[in-house]
Amino acid sequence: MRDTARWAKRYGVPLEINQAWWNGIGTGQVDLRLHMRGALAAQKLGNFEAYHRVIWDAIYAHPRPVARPAETQALLEANGLERKLPGLRRAQGVAATAARRL
């Protein structure tokens, strides 16, 4: 993480690791498929950049709770992505079905 912190400082970007999220990954309490499916759905709906910016910020810059589906949904709604990504929940379901087929 030292190298990451050094680069963040050099480029003047915020870096504050969401420790609760990372701990959840380590203990198996965070299902990474939630965010991967969200990213695939956002890409399919044509707004991956906005989705990525909100999730990235919550994990690496300004920690927000995103470990559970309801927390992620609340964050997306708070950032107006529910309006920008109509049908996100449906598309996440489609992405989940496609992922199970792999």
C-alpha atoms as a PDB file:
ATOM      1  CA  MET A   1       0.000   0.000   0.000  1.00  0.00           C
ATOM      2  CA  ARG A   2       2.945   2.341   0.441  1.00  0.00           C
ATOM      3  CA  ASP A   3       3.499   2.516  -3.284  1.00  0.00           C
ATOM      4  CA  THR A   4      -0.191   3.205  -3.892  1.00  0.00           C
ATOM      5  CA  ALA A   5      -0.126   5.975  -1.280  1.00  0.00           C
ATOM      6  CA  ARG A   6       2.972   7.468  -2.889  1.00  0.00           C
ATOM      7  CA  TRP A   7       1.317   7.579  -6.314  1.00  0.00           C
ATOM      8  CA  ALA A   8      -1.881   9.040  -4.894  1.00  0.00           C
ATOM      9  CA  LYS A   9       0.139  11.792  -3.229  1.00  0.00           C
ATOM     10  CA  ARG A  10       2.106  12.456  -6.402  1.00  0.00           C
ATOM     11  CA  TYR A  11      -1.062  12.858  -8.477  1.00  0.00           C
ATOM     12  CA  GLY A  12      -2.983  14.675  -5.766  1.00  0.00           C
ATOM     13  CA  VAL A  13      -5.830  12.182  -5.591  1.00  0.00           C
ATOM     14  CA  PRO A  14      -7.545  11.093  -2.385  1.00  0.00           C
ATOM     15  CA  LEU A  15      -6.690   7.691  -0.976  1.00  0.00           C
ATOM     16  CA  GLU A  16      -8.410   6.278   2.059  1.00  0.00           C
ATOM     17  CA  ILE A  17      -8.889   2.549   1.979  1.00  0.00           C
ATOM     18  CA  ASN A  18     -12.307   1.233   2.989  1.00  0.00           C
ATOM     19  CA  GLN A  19     -10.987  -1.116   5.661  1.00  0.00           C
ATOM     20  CA  ALA A  20     -14.416  -2.581   6.460  1.00  0.00           C
ATOM     21  CA  TRP A  21     -14.824  -3.604   2.818  1.00  0.00           C
ATOM     22  CA  TRP A  22     -11.361  -5.162   2.619  1.00  0.00           C
ATOM     23  CA  ASN A  23     -11.869  -6.980   5.931  1.00  0.00           C
ATOM     24  CA  GLY A  24     -15.156  -8.317   4.568  1.00  0.00           C
ATOM     25  CA  ILE A  25     -13.339  -9.706   1.542  1.00  0.00           C
ATOM     26  CA  GLY A  26     -10.790 -11.387   3.788  1.00  0.00           C
ATOM     27  CA  THR A  27     -13.489 -13.041   5.893  1.00  0.00           C
ATOM     28  CA  GLY A  28     -15.756 -13.917   2.977  1.00  0.00           C
ATOM     29  CA  GLN A  29     -18.516 -11.549   4.115  1.00  0.00           C
ATOM     30  CA  VAL A  30     -18.287  -9.450   0.939  1.00  0.00           C
ATOM     31  CA  ASP A  31     -19.431 -11.047  -2.295  1.00  0.00           C
ATOM     32  CA  LEU A  32     -17.391  -9.409  -5.050  1.00  0.00           C
ATOM     33  CA  ARG A  33     -19.894 -10.635  -7.613  1.00  0.00           C
ATOM     34  CA  LEU A  34     -22.246  -7.860  -6.442  1.00  0.00           C
ATOM     35  CA  HIS A  35     -19.937  -5.146  -7.765  1.00  0.00           C
ATOM     36  CA  MET A  36     -18.856  -7.112 -10.809  1.00  0.00           C
ATOM     37  CA  ARG A  37     -22.476  -7.658 -11.792  1.00  0.00           C
ATOM     38  CA  GLY A  38     -23.211  -4.004 -11.181  1.00  0.00           C
ATOM     39  CA  ALA A  39     -20.313  -3.041 -13.434  1.00  0.00           C
ATOM     40  CA  LEU A  40     -21.488  -5.388 -16.186  1.00  0.00           C
ATOM     41  CA  ALA A  41     -25.029  -4.061 -15.899  1.00  0.00           C
ATOM     42  CA  ALA A  42     -23.850  -0.431 -15.976  1.00  0.00           C
ATOM     43  CA  GLN A  43     -21.734  -1.203 -19.030  1.00  0.00           C
ATOM     44  CA  LYS A  44     -24.691  -2.828 -20.766  1.00  0.00           C
ATOM     45  CA  LEU A  45     -26.838   0.220 -19.920  1.00  0.00           C
ATOM     46  CA  GLY A  46     -24.163   2.613 -21.236  1.00  0.00           C
ATOM     47  CA  ASN A  47     -23.015   4.282 -18.039  1.00  0.00           C
ATOM     48  CA  PHE A  48     -20.106   2.259 -16.713  1.00  0.00           C
ATOM     49  CA  GLU A  49     -17.984   5.341 -15.989  1.00  0.00           C
ATOM     50  CA  ALA A  50     -20.483   6.811 -13.521  1.00  0.00           C
ATOM     51  CA  TYR A  51     -20.983   3.470 -11.762  1.00  0.00           C
ATOM     52  CA  HIS A  52     -17.247   2.853 -11.549  1.00  0.00           C
ATOM     53  CA  ARG A  53     -16.554   6.350 -10.197  1.00  0.00           C
ATOM     54  CA  VAL A  54     -19.067   5.933  -7.342  1.00  0.00           C
ATOM     55  CA  ILE A  55     -17.957   2.423  -6.355  1.00  0.00           C
ATOM     56  CA  TRP A  56     -14.239   3.241  -6.680  1.00  0.00           C
ATOM     57  CA  ASP A  57     -14.663   6.332  -4.531  1.00  0.00           C
ATOM     58  CA  ALA A  58     -16.471   4.309  -1.846  1.00  0.00           C
ATOM     59  CA  ILE A  59     -13.702   1.713  -1.698  1.00  0.00           C
ATOM     60  CA  TYR A  60     -10.525   3.730  -2.260  1.00  0.00           C
ATOM     61  CA  ALA A  61     -11.114   7.413  -1.582  1.00  0.00           C
ATOM     62  CA  HIS A  62     -14.008   8.232   0.743  1.00  0.00           C
ATOM     63  CA  PRO A  63     -15.073   5.004   2.481  1.00  0.00           C
ATOM     64  CA  ARG A  64     -18.783   4.276   2.397  1.00  0.00           C
ATOM     65  CA  PRO A  65     -20.601   1.068   3.292  1.00  0.00           C
ATOM     66  CA  VAL A  66     -20.872  -1.065   0.146  1.00  0.00           C
ATOM     67  CA  ALA A  67     -20.467  -4.610   1.449  1.00  0.00           C
ATOM     68  CA  ARG A  68     -24.129  -5.566   1.174  1.00  0.00           C
ATOM     69  CA  PRO A  69     -26.533  -5.164  -1.746  1.00  0.00           C
ATOM     70  CA  ALA A  70     -28.772  -2.714   0.148  1.00  0.00           C
ATOM     71  CA  GLU A  71     -25.767  -0.529   1.027  1.00  0.00           C
ATOM     72  CA  THR A  72     -24.568  -0.455  -2.556  1.00  0.00           C
ATOM     73  CA  GLN A  73     -28.068   0.320  -3.804  1.00  0.00           C
ATOM     74  CA  ALA A  74     -28.389   3.193  -1.303  1.00  0.00           C
ATOM     75  CA  LEU A  75     -25.042   4.614  -2.439  1.00  0.00           C
ATOM     76  CA  LEU A  76     -26.036   4.426  -6.097  1.00  0.00           C
ATOM     77  CA  GLU A  77     -29.366   6.108  -5.357  1.00  0.00           C
ATOM     78  CA  ALA A  78     -27.662   8.822  -3.277  1.00  0.00           C
ATOM     79  CA  ASN A  79     -25.462   9.587  -6.286  1.00  0.00           C
ATOM     80  CA  GLY A  80     -28.332   9.715  -8.746  1.00  0.00           C
ATOM     81  CA  LEU A  81     -27.359   6.547 -10.575  1.00  0.00           C
ATOM     82  CA  GLU A  82     -30.786   5.014 -10.221  1.00  0.00           C
ATOM     83  CA  ARG A  83     -31.979   7.709 -12.642  1.00  0.00           C
ATOM     84  CA  LYS A  84     -28.936   7.395 -14.925  1.00  0.00           C
ATOM     85  CA  LEU A  85     -29.097   3.612 -14.970  1.00  0.00           C
ATOM     86  CA  PRO A  86     -32.754   2.701 -15.216  1.00  0.00           C
ATOM     87  CA  GLY A  87     -33.220  -1.022 -14.926  1.00  0.00           C
ATOM     88  CA  LEU A  88     -29.937  -1.556 -13.052  1.00  0.00           C
ATOM     89  CA  ARG A  89     -31.468  -4.132 -10.712  1.00  0.00           C
ATOM     90  CA  ARG A  90     -32.947  -6.050 -13.641  1.00  0.00           C
ATOM     91  CA  ALA A  91     -29.677  -5.870 -15.561  1.00  0.00           C
ATOM     92  CA  GLN A  92     -27.744  -7.059 -12.486  1.00  0.00           C
ATOM     93  CA  GLY A  93     -30.025 -10.092 -12.483  1.00  0.00           C
ATOM     94  CA  VAL A  94     -29.274 -10.693 -16.170  1.00  0.00           C
ATOM     95  CA  ALA A  95     -25.535 -10.364 -15.470  1.00  0.00           C
ATOM     96  CA  ALA A  96     -25.863 -12.787 -12.546  1.00  0.00           C
ATOM     97  CA  THR A  97     -27.583 -15.345 -14.776  1.00  0.00           C
ATOM     98  CA  ALA A  98     -24.886 -14.953 -17.438  1.00  0.00           C
ATOM     99  CA  ALA A  99     -22.119 -15.298 -14.824  1.00  0.00           C
ATOM    100  CA  ARG A 100     -23.609 -18.556 -13.533  1.00  0.00           C
ATOM    101  CA  ARG A 101     -23.436 -19.966 -17.048  1.00  0.00           C
ATOM    102  CA  LEU A 102     -19.654 -19.400 -17.267  1.00  0.00           C
END
